[in-house]
Protein backbone atom coordinates (compact mmCIF):
# COMPACT_ATOMS: atom_id res chain seq x y z
CA UNK A 1 105.81 91.90 100.34
CA UNK A 2 108.41 94.35 101.71
CA UNK A 3 111.40 92.28 100.64
CA UNK A 4 109.98 92.20 97.10
CA UNK A 5 109.44 95.97 96.87
CA UNK A 6 112.46 96.60 94.57
CA UNK A 7 111.12 94.09 92.03
CA UNK A 8 107.58 95.42 92.36
CA UNK A 9 108.74 99.00 91.78
CA UNK A 10 110.67 97.87 88.70
CA UNK A 11 107.49 96.43 87.22
CA UNK A 12 105.76 99.81 87.32
CA UNK A 13 105.39 101.27 83.82
CA UNK A 14 107.30 104.42 84.63
CA UNK A 15 107.08 105.99 81.16
CA UNK A 16 103.28 105.61 81.05
CA UNK A 17 102.91 106.93 84.61
CA UNK A 18 105.01 110.00 83.80
CA UNK A 19 103.16 110.67 80.53
CA UNK A 20 99.72 110.46 82.16
CA UNK A 21 101.08 112.34 85.18
CA UNK A 22 101.50 115.38 82.97
CA UNK A 23 97.70 115.73 82.78
CA UNK A 24 97.00 116.57 86.47
CA UNK A 25 100.15 118.73 86.42
CA UNK A 26 98.65 120.77 83.57
CA UNK A 27 95.38 120.93 85.47
CA UNK A 28 97.24 122.45 88.40
CA UNK A 29 99.03 124.89 86.09
CA UNK A 30 95.71 126.08 84.55
CA UNK A 31 93.98 126.53 87.92
CA UNK A 32 93.23 130.04 89.13
CA UNK A 33 95.09 129.89 92.44
CA UNK A 34 98.71 129.23 93.44
CA UNK A 35 98.98 126.52 96.12
CA UNK A 36 101.96 126.51 98.48
CA UNK A 37 105.05 124.65 97.30
CA UNK A 38 104.59 121.96 99.97
CA UNK A 39 101.03 121.36 98.76
CA UNK A 40 102.22 121.12 95.15
CA UNK A 41 104.92 118.60 96.08
CA UNK A 42 102.48 116.52 98.11
CA UNK A 43 99.97 116.62 95.27
CA UNK A 44 102.58 115.54 92.72
CA UNK A 45 103.65 112.59 94.85
CA UNK A 46 100.04 111.52 95.49
CA UNK A 47 99.17 111.81 91.79
CA UNK A 48 102.18 109.65 90.94
CA UNK A 49 101.07 106.99 93.43
CA UNK A 50 97.49 107.04 92.12
CA UNK A 51 98.59 106.56 88.51
CA UNK A 52 101.10 103.87 89.48
CA UNK A 53 98.21 102.07 91.20
CA UNK A 54 96.08 102.27 88.03
CA UNK A 55 98.81 100.77 85.84
CA UNK A 56 99.85 98.06 88.31
CA UNK A 57 96.20 97.06 88.76
CA UNK A 58 95.85 96.77 84.99
CA UNK A 59 99.05 94.72 84.83
CA UNK A 60 97.79 92.52 87.67
CA UNK A 61 94.68 91.76 85.61
CA UNK A 62 96.90 90.77 82.66
CA UNK A 63 99.23 88.89 84.99
CA UNK A 64 96.37 86.69 86.21
CA UNK A 65 95.52 85.86 82.58
CA UNK A 66 99.14 85.19 81.63
CA UNK A 67 99.24 88.18 79.27
CA UNK A 68 102.39 90.30 79.38
CA UNK A 69 102.37 92.29 76.15
CA UNK A 70 101.64 95.52 78.02
CA UNK A 71 104.79 95.36 80.15
CA UNK A 72 107.78 93.11 79.61
CA UNK A 73 109.08 93.90 83.11
CA UNK A 74 106.18 91.77 84.36
CA UNK A 75 108.23 88.73 83.43
CA UNK A 76 110.50 89.62 86.37
CA UNK A 77 107.61 88.87 88.71
CA UNK A 78 107.37 85.30 87.48
CA UNK A 79 111.14 84.83 87.57
CA UNK A 80 111.19 86.03 91.22
CA UNK A 81 108.14 83.91 92.13
CA UNK A 82 106.03 86.94 93.01
CA UNK A 83 102.36 85.98 92.90
CA UNK A 84 99.52 87.97 91.33
CA UNK A 85 98.21 88.45 94.87
CA UNK A 86 101.49 90.16 95.82
CA UNK A 87 101.18 92.56 92.88
CA UNK A 88 97.54 93.28 93.78
CA UNK A 89 98.45 94.05 97.41
CA UNK A 90 101.24 96.36 96.21
CA UNK A 91 98.84 98.16 93.86
CA UNK A 92 96.25 98.83 96.57
CA UNK A 93 98.96 99.90 99.02
CA UNK A 94 99.91 102.60 96.50
CA UNK A 95 96.25 103.63 96.27
CA UNK A 96 95.80 103.81 100.05
CA UNK A 97 98.86 106.02 100.45
CA UNK A 98 97.76 108.28 97.59
CA UNK A 99 94.28 108.76 99.06
CA UNK A 100 95.73 109.46 102.51
CA UNK A 101 97.80 112.31 101.05
CA UNK A 102 94.89 113.66 98.98
CA UNK A 103 92.68 113.68 102.09
CA UNK A 104 95.16 116.06 103.73
CA UNK A 105 95.28 118.39 100.71
CA UNK A 106 91.79 119.01 99.38
CA UNK A 107 88.35 117.41 99.63
CA UNK A 108 87.71 118.08 95.93
CA UNK A 109 90.98 116.42 94.90
CA UNK A 110 90.26 113.46 97.19
CA UNK A 111 86.81 112.91 95.66
CA UNK A 112 88.13 113.24 92.10
CA UNK A 113 91.05 110.91 92.86
CA UNK A 114 88.58 108.38 94.27
CA UNK A 115 86.58 108.69 91.04
CA UNK A 116 89.71 108.03 88.99
CA UNK A 117 90.48 104.98 91.13
CA UNK A 118 86.94 103.63 90.73
CA UNK A 119 87.17 104.01 86.94
CA UNK A 120 90.49 102.16 86.99
CA UNK A 121 88.96 99.29 88.96
CA UNK A 122 85.97 99.12 86.60
CA UNK A 123 88.35 99.05 83.65
CA UNK A 124 90.87 96.50 84.90
CA UNK A 125 89.38 94.20 87.53
CA UNK A 126 88.15 90.86 86.12
CA UNK A 127 84.89 91.20 88.07
CA UNK A 128 83.92 94.15 85.84
CA UNK A 129 86.37 93.73 82.91
CA UNK A 130 85.37 96.94 81.14
CA UNK A 131 88.66 96.75 79.22
CA UNK A 132 87.03 93.88 77.28
CA UNK A 133 83.79 95.79 76.69
CA UNK A 134 83.89 97.57 73.31
CA UNK A 135 83.12 101.31 73.26
CA UNK A 136 82.72 101.43 77.07
CA UNK A 137 86.47 100.89 77.46
CA UNK A 138 87.18 103.91 75.25
CA UNK A 139 84.58 106.03 77.06
CA UNK A 140 86.31 105.21 80.35
CA UNK A 141 89.57 106.55 78.86
CA UNK A 142 87.77 109.76 77.89
CA UNK A 143 86.26 110.22 81.36
CA UNK A 144 89.36 109.08 83.24
CA UNK A 145 91.79 111.47 81.51
CA UNK A 146 89.31 114.33 81.93
CA UNK A 147 89.15 113.63 85.67
CA UNK A 148 92.96 113.42 85.81
CA UNK A 149 93.08 117.04 84.63
CA UNK A 150 90.31 118.15 86.98
CA UNK A 151 91.81 116.78 90.18
CA UNK A 152 94.80 119.03 89.50
CA UNK A 153 92.65 121.97 88.41
CA UNK A 154 90.42 121.69 91.47
CA UNK A 155 93.19 121.35 94.05
CA UNK A 156 93.04 124.96 95.22
CA UNK A 157 90.08 126.47 93.37
CA UNK A 158 86.49 125.55 92.45
CA UNK A 159 86.03 123.68 89.18
CA UNK A 160 84.34 125.88 86.57
CA UNK A 161 83.22 125.67 82.94
CA UNK A 162 86.69 126.57 81.68
CA UNK A 163 88.27 123.73 83.63
CA UNK A 164 85.75 121.17 82.38
CA UNK A 165 86.14 122.39 78.80
CA UNK A 166 89.95 122.07 78.88
CA UNK A 167 89.72 118.71 80.65
CA UNK A 168 87.66 117.31 77.78
CA UNK A 169 90.58 117.93 75.40
CA UNK A 170 92.74 115.51 77.41
CA UNK A 171 89.88 113.04 77.57
CA UNK A 172 89.62 113.11 73.77
CA UNK A 173 93.39 112.68 73.41
CA UNK A 174 93.49 109.50 75.50
CA UNK A 175 90.23 108.19 74.03
CA UNK A 176 91.73 108.59 70.54
CA UNK A 177 94.87 106.71 71.47
CA UNK A 178 92.95 103.80 73.01
CA UNK A 179 91.57 102.11 69.84
CA UNK A 180 94.95 102.62 68.16
CA UNK A 181 96.61 100.75 71.03
CA UNK A 182 94.01 98.01 70.78
CA UNK A 183 94.73 97.73 67.05
CA UNK A 184 98.41 97.34 67.95
CA UNK A 185 97.65 94.54 70.43
CA UNK A 186 95.06 92.90 68.17
CA UNK A 187 96.77 89.54 67.70
CA UNK A 188 97.59 89.07 71.38
CA UNK A 189 94.11 90.11 72.50
CA UNK A 190 92.50 87.83 69.94
CA UNK A 191 94.63 84.92 71.11
CA UNK A 192 93.69 85.46 74.78
CA UNK A 193 90.00 85.99 74.11
CA UNK A 194 89.82 89.67 75.08
CA UNK A 195 86.85 91.48 73.51
CA UNK A 196 88.46 94.79 72.64
CA UNK A 197 87.22 97.21 70.00
CA UNK A 198 89.75 95.80 67.54
CA UNK A 199 88.76 92.19 68.19
CA UNK A 200 85.00 92.86 67.97
CA UNK A 201 84.89 95.42 65.15
CA UNK A 202 88.13 94.59 63.35
CA UNK A 203 91.69 95.86 63.55
CA UNK A 204 91.44 98.36 60.68
CA UNK A 205 88.07 99.86 61.77
CA UNK A 206 89.46 100.33 65.30
CA UNK A 207 92.54 102.09 63.92
CA UNK A 208 90.37 104.34 61.72
CA UNK A 209 88.12 105.13 64.70
CA UNK A 210 91.19 106.31 66.57
CA UNK A 211 92.17 108.54 63.64
CA UNK A 212 88.66 110.05 63.56
CA UNK A 213 88.85 110.80 67.29
CA UNK A 214 92.25 112.45 66.75
CA UNK A 215 90.63 114.72 64.16
CA UNK A 216 87.84 115.60 66.60
CA UNK A 217 90.42 116.32 69.29
CA UNK A 218 92.44 118.69 67.10
CA UNK A 219 89.28 120.50 65.98
CA UNK A 220 88.32 120.80 69.63
CA UNK A 221 91.71 122.32 70.51
CA UNK A 222 91.16 124.85 67.70
CA UNK A 223 87.75 125.69 69.20
CA UNK A 224 89.24 126.10 72.69
CA UNK A 225 91.82 128.52 71.29
CA UNK A 226 89.35 130.43 69.12
CA UNK A 227 87.03 130.74 72.12
CA UNK A 228 89.94 132.06 74.25
CA UNK A 229 89.49 129.34 76.85
CA UNK A 230 93.19 128.75 76.22
CA UNK A 231 95.50 131.37 74.66
CA UNK A 232 94.61 132.15 71.05
CA UNK A 233 98.11 131.49 69.69
CA UNK A 234 97.60 127.77 70.39
CA UNK A 235 95.46 127.59 67.20
CA UNK A 236 98.80 127.10 65.45
CA UNK A 237 99.14 123.60 66.92
CA UNK A 238 96.08 121.93 65.32
CA UNK A 239 96.66 123.78 62.06
CA UNK A 240 100.18 122.34 61.78
CA UNK A 241 99.91 119.00 63.60
CA UNK A 242 96.58 117.70 62.24
CA UNK A 243 97.75 117.49 58.59
CA UNK A 244 101.00 115.90 59.75
CA UNK A 245 99.25 113.26 61.84
CA UNK A 246 96.75 112.56 59.06
CA UNK A 247 99.63 111.94 56.68
CA UNK A 248 101.20 109.50 59.13
CA UNK A 249 97.82 107.79 59.52
CA UNK A 250 97.49 107.32 55.75
CA UNK A 251 101.03 105.94 55.61
CA UNK A 252 100.18 103.45 58.37
CA UNK A 253 97.05 102.31 56.54
CA UNK A 254 98.98 101.72 53.32
CA UNK A 255 101.08 99.00 54.93
CA UNK A 256 100.01 95.95 56.94
CA UNK A 257 98.74 96.97 60.40
CA UNK A 258 101.27 94.92 62.29
CA UNK A 259 102.03 95.67 65.92
CA UNK A 260 105.44 97.04 64.97
CA UNK A 261 104.08 99.39 62.28
CA UNK A 262 101.41 100.74 64.62
CA UNK A 263 104.03 101.19 67.34
CA UNK A 264 106.08 103.36 64.94
CA UNK A 265 102.96 105.43 64.24
CA UNK A 266 102.38 105.84 67.98
CA UNK A 267 105.97 106.91 68.59
CA UNK A 268 105.65 109.65 65.97
CA UNK A 269 102.35 111.14 67.11
CA UNK A 270 103.40 110.99 70.78
CA UNK A 271 106.17 113.45 69.93
CA UNK A 272 103.46 115.87 68.81
CA UNK A 273 101.65 115.41 72.10
CA UNK A 274 104.78 116.15 74.09
CA UNK A 275 105.04 119.43 72.15
CA UNK A 276 101.34 120.17 72.75
CA UNK A 277 101.74 119.46 76.46
CA UNK A 278 104.77 121.75 76.75
CA UNK A 279 102.96 124.48 74.78
CA UNK A 280 99.94 124.22 77.07
CA UNK A 281 102.18 124.35 80.15
CA UNK A 282 103.96 127.45 78.79
CA UNK A 283 100.60 129.05 77.99
CA UNK A 284 99.28 128.34 81.50
CA UNK A 285 102.39 129.65 83.29
CA UNK A 286 102.67 132.72 81.05
CA UNK A 287 98.98 133.46 81.57
CA UNK A 288 99.56 133.63 85.34
CA UNK A 289 102.13 136.38 84.86
CA UNK A 290 99.97 138.76 82.82
């Protein structure tokens, strides 16, 4: 496996890992205590490894079924004659290293990271195949993203009501994006026999369900701000971004829900979430100084 490491690392979905990696980073920023720099660096590296494991495990499951729509770099594995077993071994090597680092940092973070890993296995592994179980697959996204926030939040301080309440916002964000992604991949999933929300309930209903969850998520962010669990000025974000995202949703529904049209919709709303993430990070860091 070692001689194939460069190819295996290239197959990691770096953009997805970095996007999801922002969630535990924000959890750490919102926590009540300031860990040492060495602890923060170790935590960041371990979180990166854990998330890379989750995505490579998911890609391994697709690789075994001959499905590559989630990551075109996977085609490199076939061209280099790397077997699914090699990708699986690489994925669990990443997990083992991540858990070893977490065990040296914090018991709470280790237990939460283990929980995240278990959810990933339930979601991706063909033995459980929760990714092809409607509704449950979306609930796992909600729980998984919430735990991603909490294992950063709980690194150096006990997890409290505030931490759980903020974590649920990230869970809602990723749960909302999940049925939209399934609507995007509808044709491929239907062709391969996957039982996603879009395949079982229909592509348009799945897309609309995602839009409804986005509305819930923005309302929830407003409630967090109004309740001063996050700084009050963040109420501006749902007030401005919700109408904008609703308009984009209506535009998407007016045209055929092709994979390319849904991808354009995703690219637009993800810009909003980058802004929300940066605003939350600024709010957390500023709050530590006052």
